[in-house]
PDB file of N, CA and C in Angstrom:
ATOM      1  N   MET A   1      12.587  38.956  -5.089  1.00  0.00           N
ATOM      2  CA  MET A   1      12.848  40.403  -5.031  1.00  0.00           C
ATOM      3  C   MET A   1      14.175  40.688  -4.616  1.00  0.00           C
ATOM      4  N   ALA A   2      14.970  41.418  -5.312  1.00  0.00           N
ATOM      5  CA  ALA A   2      16.307  41.890  -4.890  1.00  0.00           C
ATOM      6  C   ALA A   2      16.124  42.786  -3.620  1.00  0.00           C
ATOM      7  N   LYS A   3      17.276  42.800  -2.854  1.00  0.00           N
ATOM      8  CA  LYS A   3      17.272  43.528  -1.592  1.00  0.00           C
ATOM      9  C   LYS A   3      17.739  44.930  -2.102  1.00  0.00           C
ATOM     10  N   GLY A   4      18.442  45.082  -3.206  1.00  0.00           N
ATOM     11  CA  GLY A   4      18.889  46.399  -3.653  1.00  0.00           C
ATOM     12  C   GLY A   4      19.988  46.082  -4.779  1.00  0.00           C
ATOM     13  N   ARG A   5      20.480  47.194  -5.340  1.00  0.00           N
ATOM     14  CA  ARG A   5      21.396  47.194  -6.534  1.00  0.00           C
ATOM     15  C   ARG A   5      22.645  47.736  -6.095  1.00  0.00           C
ATOM     16  N   ILE A   6      23.769  46.788  -6.361  1.00  0.00           N
ATOM     17  CA  ILE A   6      25.163  47.212  -5.901  1.00  0.00           C
ATOM     18  C   ILE A   6      26.141  47.214  -7.014  1.00  0.00           C
ATOM     19  N   LEU A   7      26.977  48.261  -7.117  1.00  0.00           N
ATOM     20  CA  LEU A   7      27.961  48.358  -8.057  1.00  0.00           C
ATOM     21  C   LEU A   7      29.334  47.962  -7.317  1.00  0.00           C
ATOM     22  N   VAL A   8      30.002  47.107  -7.958  1.00  0.00           N
ATOM     23  CA  VAL A   8      31.276  46.565  -7.432  1.00  0.00           C
ATOM     24  C   VAL A   8      32.500  46.897  -8.359  1.00  0.00           C
ATOM     25  N   MET A   9      33.353  47.528  -7.737  1.00  0.00           N
ATOM     26  CA  MET A   9      34.588  48.024  -8.463  1.00  0.00           C
ATOM     27  C   MET A   9      35.831  47.420  -7.988  1.00  0.00           C
ATOM     28  N   ASP A  10      36.522  46.447  -8.822  1.00  0.00           N
ATOM     29  CA  ASP A  10      37.767  45.827  -8.423  1.00  0.00           C
ATOM     30  C   ASP A  10      38.460  45.459  -9.664  1.00  0.00           C
ATOM     31  N   ASP A  11      39.753  45.705  -9.682  1.00  0.00           N
ATOM     32  CA  ASP A  11      40.576  45.468 -10.828  1.00  0.00           C
ATOM     33  C   ASP A  11      40.732  44.020 -11.139  1.00  0.00           C
ATOM     34  N   GLU A  12      40.580  43.131 -10.162  1.00  0.00           N
ATOM     35  CA  GLU A  12      40.911  41.658 -10.262  1.00  0.00           C
ATOM     36  C   GLU A  12      39.579  40.910 -10.655  1.00  0.00           C
ATOM     37  N   GLU A  13      39.488  40.297 -11.796  1.00  0.00           N
ATOM     38  CA  GLU A  13      38.359  39.604 -12.353  1.00  0.00           C
ATOM     39  C   GLU A  13      37.830  38.378 -11.433  1.00  0.00           C
ATOM     40  N   LEU A  14      38.773  37.891 -10.873  1.00  0.00           N
ATOM     41  CA  LEU A  14      38.394  36.771  -9.731  1.00  0.00           C
ATOM     42  C   LEU A  14      37.660  37.342  -8.554  1.00  0.00           C
ATOM     43  N   ILE A  15      38.226  38.512  -8.050  1.00  0.00           N
ATOM     44  CA  ILE A  15      37.381  39.047  -6.845  1.00  0.00           C
ATOM     45  C   ILE A  15      36.117  39.611  -7.366  1.00  0.00           C
ATOM     46  N   ARG A  16      36.025  40.354  -8.452  1.00  0.00           N
ATOM     47  CA  ARG A  16      34.749  40.772  -8.961  1.00  0.00           C
ATOM     48  C   ARG A  16      33.796  39.534  -9.003  1.00  0.00           C
ATOM     49  N   ASP A  17      34.119  38.427  -9.637  1.00  0.00           N
ATOM     50  CA  ASP A  17      33.421  37.253  -9.734  1.00  0.00           C
ATOM     51  C   ASP A  17      32.791  36.637  -8.294  1.00  0.00           C
ATOM     52  N   VAL A  18      33.889  36.609  -7.438  1.00  0.00           N
ATOM     53  CA  VAL A  18      33.634  36.054  -6.270  1.00  0.00           C
ATOM     54  C   VAL A  18      32.563  36.956  -5.407  1.00  0.00           C
ATOM     55  N   VAL A  19      32.751  38.209  -5.437  1.00  0.00           N
ATOM     56  CA  VAL A  19      31.935  39.372  -4.685  1.00  0.00           C
ATOM     57  C   VAL A  19      30.577  39.356  -5.292  1.00  0.00           C
ATOM     58  N   SER A  20      30.593  39.324  -6.511  1.00  0.00           N
ATOM     59  CA  SER A  20      29.211  39.145  -7.285  1.00  0.00           C
ATOM     60  C   SER A  20      28.479  37.899  -6.829  1.00  0.00           C
ATOM     61  N   SER A  21      28.988  36.856  -6.861  1.00  0.00           N
ATOM     62  CA  SER A  21      28.402  35.542  -6.263  1.00  0.00           C
ATOM     63  C   SER A  21      27.872  35.626  -4.876  1.00  0.00           C
ATOM     64  N   MET A  22      28.730  36.266  -4.133  1.00  0.00           N
ATOM     65  CA  MET A  22      28.276  36.490  -2.729  1.00  0.00           C
ATOM     66  C   MET A  22      27.051  37.279  -2.534  1.00  0.00           C
ATOM     67  N   LEU A  23      27.040  38.485  -3.278  1.00  0.00           N
ATOM     68  CA  LEU A  23      26.176  39.355  -3.257  1.00  0.00           C
ATOM     69  C   LEU A  23      24.777  38.879  -3.813  1.00  0.00           C
ATOM     70  N   GLU A  24      24.885  38.155  -4.989  1.00  0.00           N
ATOM     71  CA  GLU A  24      23.726  37.568  -5.605  1.00  0.00           C
ATOM     72  C   GLU A  24      23.092  36.498  -4.675  1.00  0.00           C
ATOM     73  N   TYR A  25      23.949  35.767  -3.876  1.00  0.00           N
ATOM     74  CA  TYR A  25      23.581  34.791  -2.921  1.00  0.00           C
ATOM     75  C   TYR A  25      22.754  35.530  -1.739  1.00  0.00           C
ATOM     76  N   LEU A  26      23.133  36.654  -1.471  1.00  0.00           N
ATOM     77  CA  LEU A  26      22.587  37.520  -0.384  1.00  0.00           C
ATOM     78  C   LEU A  26      21.306  38.239  -0.869  1.00  0.00           C
ATOM     79  N   GLY A  27      21.040  38.132  -2.195  1.00  0.00           N
ATOM     80  CA  GLY A  27      19.782  38.646  -2.636  1.00  0.00           C
ATOM     81  C   GLY A  27      19.964  40.040  -3.444  1.00  0.00           C
ATOM     82  N   TYR A  28      21.133  40.462  -3.710  1.00  0.00           N
ATOM     83  CA  TYR A  28      21.258  41.780  -4.303  1.00  0.00           C
ATOM     84  C   TYR A  28      21.498  41.600  -5.821  1.00  0.00           C
ATOM     85  N   GLU A  29      21.106  42.556  -6.576  1.00  0.00           N
ATOM     86  CA  GLU A  29      21.502  42.695  -8.049  1.00  0.00           C
ATOM     87  C   GLU A  29      22.682  43.405  -8.017  1.00  0.00           C
ATOM     88  N   VAL A  30      23.686  42.932  -8.935  1.00  0.00           N
ATOM     89  CA  VAL A  30      24.990  43.279  -9.056  1.00  0.00           C
ATOM     90  C   VAL A  30      25.442  43.859 -10.420  1.00  0.00           C
ATOM     91  N   GLU A  31      26.157  44.981 -10.397  1.00  0.00           N
ATOM     92  CA  GLU A  31      26.868  45.351 -11.654  1.00  0.00           C
ATOM     93  C   GLU A  31      28.335  45.401 -11.378  1.00  0.00           C
ATOM     94  N   LEU A  32      29.209  45.215 -12.321  1.00  0.00           N
ATOM     95  CA  LEU A  32      30.676  45.131 -12.082  1.00  0.00           C
ATOM     96  C   LEU A  32      31.428  46.123 -12.853  1.00  0.00           C
ATOM     97  N   SER A  33      32.411  46.542 -12.310  1.00  0.00           N
ATOM     98  CA  SER A  33      33.437  47.553 -12.830  1.00  0.00           C
ATOM     99  C   SER A  33      34.748  47.241 -12.574  1.00  0.00           C
ATOM    100  N   SER A  34      35.698  47.290 -13.613  1.00  0.00           N
ATOM    101  CA  SER A  34      37.057  46.922 -13.272  1.00  0.00           C
ATOM    102  C   SER A  34      37.921  48.116 -12.996  1.00  0.00           C
ATOM    103  N   ASN A  35      37.393  49.417 -13.159  1.00  0.00           N
ATOM    104  CA  ASN A  35      38.277  50.443 -12.774  1.00  0.00           C
ATOM    105  C   ASN A  35      37.356  51.607 -12.421  1.00  0.00           C
ATOM    106  N   GLY A  36      38.028  52.642 -11.882  1.00  0.00           N
ATOM    107  CA  GLY A  36      37.390  53.922 -11.332  1.00  0.00           C
ATOM    108  C   GLY A  36      36.494  54.610 -12.459  1.00  0.00           C
ATOM    109  N   GLN A  37      37.060  54.930 -13.569  1.00  0.00           N
ATOM    110  CA  GLN A  37      36.382  55.579 -14.569  1.00  0.00           C
ATOM    111  C   GLN A  37      35.160  54.889 -15.085  1.00  0.00           C
ATOM    112  N   GLU A  38      35.123  53.669 -15.170  1.00  0.00           N
ATOM    113  CA  GLU A  38      34.022  52.848 -15.487  1.00  0.00           C
ATOM    114  C   GLU A  38      32.944  52.892 -14.491  1.00  0.00           C
ATOM    115  N   ALA A  39      33.354  52.767 -13.228  1.00  0.00           N
ATOM    116  CA  ALA A  39      32.614  52.890 -12.027  1.00  0.00           C
ATOM    117  C   ALA A  39      31.801  54.070 -12.039  1.00  0.00           C
ATOM    118  N   LEU A  40      32.500  55.357 -12.237  1.00  0.00           N
ATOM    119  CA  LEU A  40      31.870  56.619 -12.322  1.00  0.00           C
ATOM    120  C   LEU A  40      30.873  56.728 -13.365  1.00  0.00           C
ATOM    121  N   GLN A  41      31.208  56.257 -14.533  1.00  0.00           N
ATOM    122  CA  GLN A  41      30.353  56.327 -15.626  1.00  0.00           C
ATOM    123  C   GLN A  41      29.044  55.420 -15.399  1.00  0.00           C
ATOM    124  N   LYS A  42      29.163  54.297 -14.914  1.00  0.00           N
ATOM    125  CA  LYS A  42      27.947  53.359 -14.504  1.00  0.00           C
ATOM    126  C   LYS A  42      27.209  54.092 -13.425  1.00  0.00           C
ATOM    127  N   TYR A  43      27.798  54.692 -12.320  1.00  0.00           N
ATOM    128  CA  TYR A  43      27.101  55.355 -11.344  1.00  0.00           C
ATOM    129  C   TYR A  43      26.213  56.544 -11.882  1.00  0.00           C
ATOM    130  N   SER A  44      27.010  57.251 -12.812  1.00  0.00           N
ATOM    131  CA  SER A  44      26.311  58.530 -13.276  1.00  0.00           C
ATOM    132  C   SER A  44      25.190  58.244 -14.133  1.00  0.00           C
ATOM    133  N   GLU A  45      25.224  57.258 -14.992  1.00  0.00           N
ATOM    134  CA  GLU A  45      24.283  56.743 -15.836  1.00  0.00           C
ATOM    135  C   GLU A  45      23.064  56.359 -15.068  1.00  0.00           C
ATOM    136  N   ALA A  46      23.449  55.503 -14.083  1.00  0.00           N
ATOM    137  CA  ALA A  46      22.292  55.066 -13.083  1.00  0.00           C
ATOM    138  C   ALA A  46      21.495  56.002 -12.532  1.00  0.00           C
ATOM    139  N   LEU A  47      22.301  57.172 -12.008  1.00  0.00           N
ATOM    140  CA  LEU A  47      21.610  58.416 -11.392  1.00  0.00           C
ATOM    141  C   LEU A  47      20.655  59.062 -12.333  1.00  0.00           C
ATOM    142  N   GLN A  48      20.940  58.985 -13.734  1.00  0.00           N
ATOM    143  CA  GLN A  48      20.060  59.634 -14.713  1.00  0.00           C
ATOM    144  C   GLN A  48      18.839  58.763 -15.001  1.00  0.00           C
ATOM    145  N   GLY A  49      18.973  57.469 -14.775  1.00  0.00           N
ATOM    146  CA  GLY A  49      17.925  56.500 -15.227  1.00  0.00           C
ATOM    147  C   GLY A  49      17.088  56.011 -14.068  1.00  0.00           C
ATOM    148  N   GLU A  50      16.434  55.107 -14.117  1.00  0.00           N
ATOM    149  CA  GLU A  50      15.446  54.596 -13.085  1.00  0.00           C
ATOM    150  C   GLU A  50      16.041  53.569 -12.087  1.00  0.00           C
ATOM    151  N   LYS A  51      17.154  52.951 -12.577  1.00  0.00           N
ATOM    152  CA  LYS A  51      17.788  51.848 -11.740  1.00  0.00           C
ATOM    153  C   LYS A  51      19.043  52.434 -10.968  1.00  0.00           C
ATOM    154  N   ARG A  52      18.913  53.152 -10.028  1.00  0.00           N
ATOM    155  CA  ARG A  52      19.968  53.640  -9.099  1.00  0.00           C
ATOM    156  C   ARG A  52      20.526  52.641  -8.336  1.00  0.00           C
ATOM    157  N   PHE A  53      21.896  52.844  -7.975  1.00  0.00           N
ATOM    158  CA  PHE A  53      22.615  51.893  -7.261  1.00  0.00           C
ATOM    159  C   PHE A  53      22.314  52.256  -5.601  1.00  0.00           C
ATOM    160  N   ASP A  54      22.005  51.334  -4.768  1.00  0.00           N
ATOM    161  CA  ASP A  54      21.808  51.506  -3.417  1.00  0.00           C
ATOM    162  C   ASP A  54      23.234  51.540  -2.699  1.00  0.00           C
ATOM    163  N   MET A  55      24.258  50.980  -3.374  1.00  0.00           N
ATOM    164  CA  MET A  55      25.525  50.940  -2.700  1.00  0.00           C
ATOM    165  C   MET A  55      26.575  50.724  -3.544  1.00  0.00           C
ATOM    166  N   VAL A  56      27.872  51.124  -3.344  1.00  0.00           N
ATOM    167  CA  VAL A  56      29.072  50.801  -4.073  1.00  0.00           C
ATOM    168  C   VAL A  56      30.078  50.175  -3.231  1.00  0.00           C
ATOM    169  N   ILE A  57      30.709  49.053  -3.770  1.00  0.00           N
ATOM    170  CA  ILE A  57      31.892  48.515  -3.017  1.00  0.00           C
ATOM    171  C   ILE A  57      32.988  48.693  -3.868  1.00  0.00           C
ATOM    172  N   MET A  58      33.962  49.462  -3.333  1.00  0.00           N
ATOM    173  CA  MET A  58      35.173  49.745  -3.990  1.00  0.00           C
ATOM    174  C   MET A  58      36.580  49.306  -3.574  1.00  0.00           C
ATOM    175  N   ASP A  59      37.328  48.764  -4.353  1.00  0.00           N
ATOM    176  CA  ASP A  59      38.731  48.425  -4.007  1.00  0.00           C
ATOM    177  C   ASP A  59      39.410  49.698  -3.719  1.00  0.00           C
ATOM    178  N   LEU A  60      40.198  49.739  -2.717  1.00  0.00           N
ATOM    179  CA  LEU A  60      40.984  51.025  -2.377  1.00  0.00           C
ATOM    180  C   LEU A  60      41.979  51.311  -3.342  1.00  0.00           C
ATOM    181  N   THR A  61      42.659  50.462  -4.000  1.00  0.00           N
ATOM    182  CA  THR A  61      43.789  50.620  -4.929  1.00  0.00           C
ATOM    183  C   THR A  61      43.488  49.897  -6.197  1.00  0.00           C
ATOM    184  N   ILE A  62      43.659  50.686  -7.326  1.00  0.00           N
ATOM    185  CA  ILE A  62      43.558  50.162  -8.756  1.00  0.00           C
ATOM    186  C   ILE A  62      44.768  50.543  -9.330  1.00  0.00           C
ATOM    187  N   PRO A  63      45.778  49.561  -9.546  1.00  0.00           N
ATOM    188  CA  PRO A  63      46.978  49.938 -10.200  1.00  0.00           C
ATOM    189  C   PRO A  63      46.951  50.555 -11.591  1.00  0.00           C
ATOM    190  N   GLY A  64      47.463  51.697 -11.706  1.00  0.00           N
ATOM    191  CA  GLY A  64      47.462  52.430 -12.819  1.00  0.00           C
ATOM    192  C   GLY A  64      46.123  53.151 -13.159  1.00  0.00           C
ATOM    193  N   GLY A  65      45.452  53.449 -12.136  1.00  0.00           N
ATOM    194  CA  GLY A  65      44.038  53.925 -12.366  1.00  0.00           C
ATOM    195  C   GLY A  65      43.491  54.498 -11.087  1.00  0.00           C
ATOM    196  N   LYS A  66      42.301  55.029 -11.183  1.00  0.00           N
ATOM    197  CA  LYS A  66      41.599  55.582  -9.928  1.00  0.00           C
ATOM    198  C   LYS A  66      41.135  54.519  -9.064  1.00  0.00           C
ATOM    199  N   GLY A  67      41.669  54.420  -7.913  1.00  0.00           N
ATOM    200  CA  GLY A  67      40.993  53.572  -6.811  1.00  0.00           C
ATOM    201  C   GLY A  67      39.887  54.277  -5.977  1.00  0.00           C
ATOM    202  N   GLY A  68      39.468  53.503  -5.085  1.00  0.00           N
ATOM    203  CA  GLY A  68      38.383  53.833  -4.239  1.00  0.00           C
ATOM    204  C   GLY A  68      38.556  55.280  -3.590  1.00  0.00           C
ATOM    205  N   LYS A  69      39.799  55.500  -3.170  1.00  0.00           N
ATOM    206  CA  LYS A  69      40.188  56.928  -2.381  1.00  0.00           C
ATOM    207  C   LYS A  69      39.789  57.981  -3.543  1.00  0.00           C
ATOM    208  N   GLU A  70      40.150  57.789  -4.636  1.00  0.00           N
ATOM    209  CA  GLU A  70      39.963  58.983  -5.649  1.00  0.00           C
ATOM    210  C   GLU A  70      38.494  58.962  -6.083  1.00  0.00           C
ATOM    211  N   VAL A  71      37.931  57.779  -6.283  1.00  0.00           N
ATOM    212  CA  VAL A  71      36.628  57.759  -6.902  1.00  0.00           C
ATOM    213  C   VAL A  71      35.575  58.228  -5.850  1.00  0.00           C
ATOM    214  N   ILE A  72      35.826  57.895  -4.627  1.00  0.00           N
ATOM    215  CA  ILE A  72      34.684  58.391  -3.658  1.00  0.00           C
ATOM    216  C   ILE A  72      34.496  59.794  -3.733  1.00  0.00           C
ATOM    217  N   ARG A  73      35.518  60.641  -3.820  1.00  0.00           N
ATOM    218  CA  ARG A  73      35.423  62.046  -3.969  1.00  0.00           C
ATOM    219  C   ARG A  73      34.440  62.387  -5.097  1.00  0.00           C
ATOM    220  N   GLU A  74      34.672  61.932  -6.232  1.00  0.00           N
ATOM    221  CA  GLU A  74      33.814  62.177  -7.469  1.00  0.00           C
ATOM    222  C   GLU A  74      32.424  61.655  -7.205  1.00  0.00           C
ATOM    223  N   LEU A  75      32.284  60.552  -6.622  1.00  0.00           N
ATOM    224  CA  LEU A  75      30.877  59.972  -6.489  1.00  0.00           C
ATOM    225  C   LEU A  75      30.156  60.950  -5.410  1.00  0.00           C
ATOM    226  N   LEU A  76      30.817  61.495  -4.425  1.00  0.00           N
ATOM    227  CA  LEU A  76      30.259  62.497  -3.626  1.00  0.00           C
ATOM    228  C   LEU A  76      29.762  63.792  -4.121  1.00  0.00           C
ATOM    229  N   GLU A  77      30.508  64.106  -5.155  1.00  0.00           N
ATOM    230  CA  GLU A  77      30.105  65.172  -6.051  1.00  0.00           C
ATOM    231  C   GLU A  77      28.910  64.985  -6.791  1.00  0.00           C
ATOM    232  N   LEU A  78      28.893  63.834  -7.442  1.00  0.00           N
ATOM    233  CA  LEU A  78      27.669  63.399  -8.318  1.00  0.00           C
ATOM    234  C   LEU A  78      26.455  63.228  -7.294  1.00  0.00           C
ATOM    235  N   ASP A  79      26.518  62.567  -6.242  1.00  0.00           N
ATOM    236  CA  ASP A  79      25.557  62.179  -5.413  1.00  0.00           C
ATOM    237  C   ASP A  79      26.020  62.183  -3.888  1.00  0.00           C
ATOM    238  N   PRO A  80      25.687  63.163  -3.196  1.00  0.00           N
ATOM    239  CA  PRO A  80      26.161  63.362  -1.801  1.00  0.00           C
ATOM    240  C   PRO A  80      25.627  62.239  -0.891  1.00  0.00           C
ATOM    241  N   ALA A  81      24.601  61.666  -1.291  1.00  0.00           N
ATOM    242  CA  ALA A  81      23.980  60.634  -0.442  1.00  0.00           C
ATOM    243  C   ALA A  81      24.559  59.197  -0.749  1.00  0.00           C
ATOM    244  N   VAL A  82      25.488  59.045  -1.617  1.00  0.00           N
ATOM    245  CA  VAL A  82      26.077  57.747  -2.012  1.00  0.00           C
ATOM    246  C   VAL A  82      26.523  56.905  -0.751  1.00  0.00           C
ATOM    247  N   LYS A  83      26.206  55.736  -0.853  1.00  0.00           N
ATOM    248  CA  LYS A  83      26.569  54.708   0.379  1.00  0.00           C
ATOM    249  C   LYS A  83      27.660  53.940  -0.361  1.00  0.00           C
ATOM    250  N   ALA A  84      28.934  54.003   0.255  1.00  0.00           N
ATOM    251  CA  ALA A  84      30.006  53.224  -0.457  1.00  0.00           C
ATOM    252  C   ALA A  84      30.789  52.588   0.782  1.00  0.00           C
ATOM    253  N   ILE A  85      31.309  51.256   0.408  1.00  0.00           N
ATOM    254  CA  ILE A  85      32.035  50.567   1.271  1.00  0.00           C
ATOM    255  C   ILE A  85      33.348  50.317   0.492  1.00  0.00           C
ATOM    256  N   VAL A  86      34.556  50.609   1.272  1.00  0.00           N
ATOM    257  CA  VAL A  86      35.843  50.345   0.871  1.00  0.00           C
ATOM    258  C   VAL A  86      36.339  49.155   1.151  1.00  0.00           C
ATOM    259  N   SER A  87      37.193  48.438   0.191  1.00  0.00           N
ATOM    260  CA  SER A  87      37.656  47.054   0.361  1.00  0.00           C
ATOM    261  C   SER A  87      39.082  46.981   0.150  1.00  0.00           C
ATOM    262  N   SER A  88      39.938  46.409   0.972  1.00  0.00           N
ATOM    263  CA  SER A  88      41.358  46.430   0.570  1.00  0.00           C
ATOM    264  C   SER A  88      41.916  45.239   1.382  1.00  0.00           C
ATOM    265  N   GLY A  89      43.060  44.793   0.904  1.00  0.00           N
ATOM    266  CA  GLY A  89      43.830  43.848   1.579  1.00  0.00           C
ATOM    267  C   GLY A  89      45.082  44.590   2.390  1.00  0.00           C
ATOM    268  N   TYR A  90      45.078  45.839   2.148  1.00  0.00           N
ATOM    269  CA  TYR A  90      46.124  46.641   2.888  1.00  0.00           C
ATOM    270  C   TYR A  90      45.356  47.345   4.079  1.00  0.00           C
ATOM    271  N   SER A  91      45.220  46.508   5.118  1.00  0.00           N
ATOM    272  CA  SER A  91      44.610  46.948   6.419  1.00  0.00           C
ATOM    273  C   SER A  91      45.332  48.053   7.100  1.00  0.00           C
ATOM    274  N   ASN A  92      46.643  48.264   6.814  1.00  0.00           N
ATOM    275  CA  ASN A  92      47.274  49.446   7.472  1.00  0.00           C
ATOM    276  C   ASN A  92      47.092  50.739   6.730  1.00  0.00           C
ATOM    277  N   ASP A  93      46.542  50.764   5.707  1.00  0.00           N
ATOM    278  CA  ASP A  93      46.340  52.025   4.991  1.00  0.00           C
ATOM    279  C   ASP A  93      45.323  52.863   5.792  1.00  0.00           C
ATOM    280  N   PRO A  94      45.641  54.151   5.942  1.00  0.00           N
ATOM    281  CA  PRO A  94      44.861  55.092   6.802  1.00  0.00           C
ATOM    282  C   PRO A  94      43.382  55.210   6.318  1.00  0.00           C
ATOM    283  N   VAL A  95      43.159  55.002   5.100  1.00  0.00           N
ATOM    284  CA  VAL A  95      41.854  54.959   4.678  1.00  0.00           C
ATOM    285  C   VAL A  95      40.954  53.922   5.235  1.00  0.00           C
ATOM    286  N   MET A  96      41.452  52.852   5.432  1.00  0.00           N
ATOM    287  CA  MET A  96      40.832  51.556   5.994  1.00  0.00           C
ATOM    288  C   MET A  96      40.466  51.822   7.413  1.00  0.00           C
ATOM    289  N   SER A  97      41.310  52.497   8.281  1.00  0.00           N
ATOM    290  CA  SER A  97      40.976  52.646   9.662  1.00  0.00           C
ATOM    291  C   SER A  97      40.223  53.938   9.993  1.00  0.00           C
ATOM    292  N   ASN A  98      40.220  54.899   9.102  1.00  0.00           N
ATOM    293  CA  ASN A  98      39.507  56.022   9.179  1.00  0.00           C
ATOM    294  C   ASN A  98      38.516  56.421   7.958  1.00  0.00           C
ATOM    295  N   TYR A  99      37.896  55.212   7.520  1.00  0.00           N
ATOM    296  CA  TYR A  99      37.181  55.396   6.309  1.00  0.00           C
ATOM    297  C   TYR A  99      36.087  56.319   6.100  1.00  0.00           C
ATOM    298  N   THR A 100      35.465  56.733   7.314  1.00  0.00           N
ATOM    299  CA  THR A 100      34.386  57.702   7.315  1.00  0.00           C
ATOM    300  C   THR A 100      35.061  59.112   7.066  1.00  0.00           C
ATOM    301  N   GLU A 101      36.203  59.442   7.279  1.00  0.00           N
ATOM    302  CA  GLU A 101      36.851  60.651   7.090  1.00  0.00           C
ATOM    303  C   GLU A 101      37.124  60.847   5.577  1.00  0.00           C
ATOM    304  N   TYR A 102      37.067  59.748   4.848  1.00  0.00           N
ATOM    305  CA  TYR A 102      37.253  59.852   3.395  1.00  0.00           C
ATOM    306  C   TYR A 102      35.893  59.863   2.550  1.00  0.00           C
ATOM    307  N   GLY A 103      34.824  59.649   3.272  1.00  0.00           N
ATOM    308  CA  GLY A 103      33.449  59.626   2.813  1.00  0.00           C
ATOM    309  C   GLY A 103      32.813  58.309   2.488  1.00  0.00           C
ATOM    310  N   PHE A 104      33.638  57.267   3.143  1.00  0.00           N
ATOM    311  CA  PHE A 104      32.892  55.942   2.945  1.00  0.00           C
ATOM    312  C   PHE A 104      32.034  55.564   4.189  1.00  0.00           C
ATOM    313  N   LYS A 105      31.008  54.650   3.976  1.00  0.00           N
ATOM    314  CA  LYS A 105      30.194  54.553   5.031  1.00  0.00           C
ATOM    315  C   LYS A 105      30.460  53.003   5.772  1.00  0.00           C
ATOM    316  N   GLY A 106      31.354  52.304   5.013  1.00  0.00           N
ATOM    317  CA  GLY A 106      31.652  51.025   5.632  1.00  0.00           C
ATOM    318  C   GLY A 106      33.095  50.556   5.054  1.00  0.00           C
ATOM    319  N   VAL A 107      33.536  49.458   5.690  1.00  0.00           N
ATOM    320  CA  VAL A 107      34.784  48.884   5.318  1.00  0.00           C
ATOM    321  C   VAL A 107      34.701  47.262   5.375  1.00  0.00           C
ATOM    322  N   VAL A 108      35.339  46.587   4.572  1.00  0.00           N
ATOM    323  CA  VAL A 108      35.605  45.184   4.545  1.00  0.00           C
ATOM    324  C   VAL A 108      37.072  44.832   4.258  1.00  0.00           C
ATOM    325  N   ASN A 109      37.775  44.096   5.003  1.00  0.00           N
ATOM    326  CA  ASN A 109      39.182  43.806   4.733  1.00  0.00           C
ATOM    327  C   ASN A 109      39.195  42.619   4.008  1.00  0.00           C
ATOM    328  N   LYS A 110      39.981  42.643   2.979  1.00  0.00           N
ATOM    329  CA  LYS A 110      40.141  41.302   2.186  1.00  0.00           C
ATOM    330  C   LYS A 110      41.307  40.629   2.888  1.00  0.00           C
ATOM    331  N   PRO A 111      41.243  39.277   2.747  1.00  0.00           N
ATOM    332  CA  PRO A 111      40.072  38.437   2.181  1.00  0.00           C
ATOM    333  C   PRO A 111      38.855  38.533   3.166  1.00  0.00           C
ATOM    334  N   PHE A 112      37.666  38.490   2.750  1.00  0.00           N
ATOM    335  CA  PHE A 112      36.573  38.549   3.604  1.00  0.00           C
ATOM    336  C   PHE A 112      35.665  37.341   3.263  1.00  0.00           C
ATOM    337  N   LYS A 113      34.941  36.915   4.359  1.00  0.00           N
ATOM    338  CA  LYS A 113      33.864  35.952   4.156  1.00  0.00           C
ATOM    339  C   LYS A 113      32.494  36.715   3.836  1.00  0.00           C
ATOM    340  N   ILE A 114      31.488  35.812   3.411  1.00  0.00           N
ATOM    341  CA  ILE A 114      30.204  36.157   3.045  1.00  0.00           C
ATOM    342  C   ILE A 114      29.611  36.842   4.249  1.00  0.00           C
ATOM    343  N   GLU A 115      29.894  36.242   5.507  1.00  0.00           N
ATOM    344  CA  GLU A 115      29.407  36.889   6.825  1.00  0.00           C
ATOM    345  C   GLU A 115      29.778  38.399   6.920  1.00  0.00           C
ATOM    346  N   ASP A 116      31.111  38.488   6.849  1.00  0.00           N
ATOM    347  CA  ASP A 116      31.593  39.767   6.859  1.00  0.00           C
ATOM    348  C   ASP A 116      31.098  40.929   5.839  1.00  0.00           C
ATOM    349  N   LEU A 117      30.793  40.555   4.668  1.00  0.00           N
ATOM    350  CA  LEU A 117      30.210  41.295   3.712  1.00  0.00           C
ATOM    351  C   LEU A 117      28.745  41.505   4.171  1.00  0.00           C
ATOM    352  N   ALA A 118      27.973  40.523   4.470  1.00  0.00           N
ATOM    353  CA  ALA A 118      26.677  40.704   4.836  1.00  0.00           C
ATOM    354  C   ALA A 118      26.491  41.732   5.960  1.00  0.00           C
ATOM    355  N   LYS A 119      27.404  41.625   6.990  1.00  0.00           N
ATOM    356  CA  LYS A 119      27.399  42.520   8.215  1.00  0.00           C
ATOM    357  C   LYS A 119      27.649  43.940   7.799  1.00  0.00           C
ATOM    358  N   ALA A 120      28.568  44.187   6.951  1.00  0.00           N
ATOM    359  CA  ALA A 120      28.925  45.478   6.462  1.00  0.00           C
ATOM    360  C   ALA A 120      27.699  46.098   5.639  1.00  0.00           C
ATOM    361  N   LEU A 121      27.142  45.358   4.867  1.00  0.00           N
ATOM    362  CA  LEU A 121      25.917  45.778   4.004  1.00  0.00           C
ATOM    363  C   LEU A 121      24.845  46.188   4.855  1.00  0.00           C
ATOM    364  N   ASP A 122      24.584  45.374   5.838  1.00  0.00           N
ATOM    365  CA  ASP A 122      23.479  45.592   6.787  1.00  0.00           C
ATOM    366  C   ASP A 122      23.739  46.869   7.450  1.00  0.00           C
ATOM    367  N   GLN A 123      24.957  47.012   8.061  1.00  0.00           N
ATOM    368  CA  GLN A 123      25.159  48.269   8.761  1.00  0.00           C
ATOM    369  C   GLN A 123      25.169  49.454   7.992  1.00  0.00           C
ATOM    370  N   VAL A 124      25.442  49.439   6.747  1.00  0.00           N
ATOM    371  CA  VAL A 124      25.528  50.760   5.912  1.00  0.00           C
ATOM    372  C   VAL A 124      24.049  50.855   5.258  1.00  0.00           C
ATOM    373  N   LEU A 125      23.395  49.926   5.144  1.00  0.00           N
ATOM    374  CA  LEU A 125      22.108  50.223   4.453  1.00  0.00           C
ATOM    375  C   LEU A 125      21.128  50.682   5.595  1.00  0.00           C
ATOM    376  N   ALA A 126      21.351  50.148   6.843  1.00  0.00           N
ATOM    377  CA  ALA A 126      20.604  50.473   7.929  1.00  0.00           C
ATOM    378  C   ALA A 126      20.856  52.052   8.309  1.00  0.00           C
ATOM    379  N   ALA A 127      22.133  52.515   8.152  1.00  0.00           N
ATOM    380  CA  ALA A 127      22.457  53.880   8.513  1.00  0.00           C
ATOM    381  C   ALA A 127      21.606  54.958   7.954  1.00  0.00           C
TER     382      ALA A 127
END
């Protein structure tokens, strides 16, 4: 039995694959997206259907596209109850230190270990 369904948005295929493997190991069902537009589409479709996402994990920056900072605004309009975690290697970005002000419920700094991810998931899902 899966613990929940998570949408992962990251422009790097390797990161998507690694995070997906971590999440599946932790017992989650995972769907992947390489950019903000695709993530919004998948989330919107899931809202209309029966298999909603319990959480979204988004890369803060997507070169040449919508990153987490832009996508979270639109997700909150679609679903004010969305639970989203922002992820980035740019720990000095203000979104990473003040993530709740931007609408995120949690944060993981890249590179992260499976323990870091599990802790962030548990905190956000319990909130």
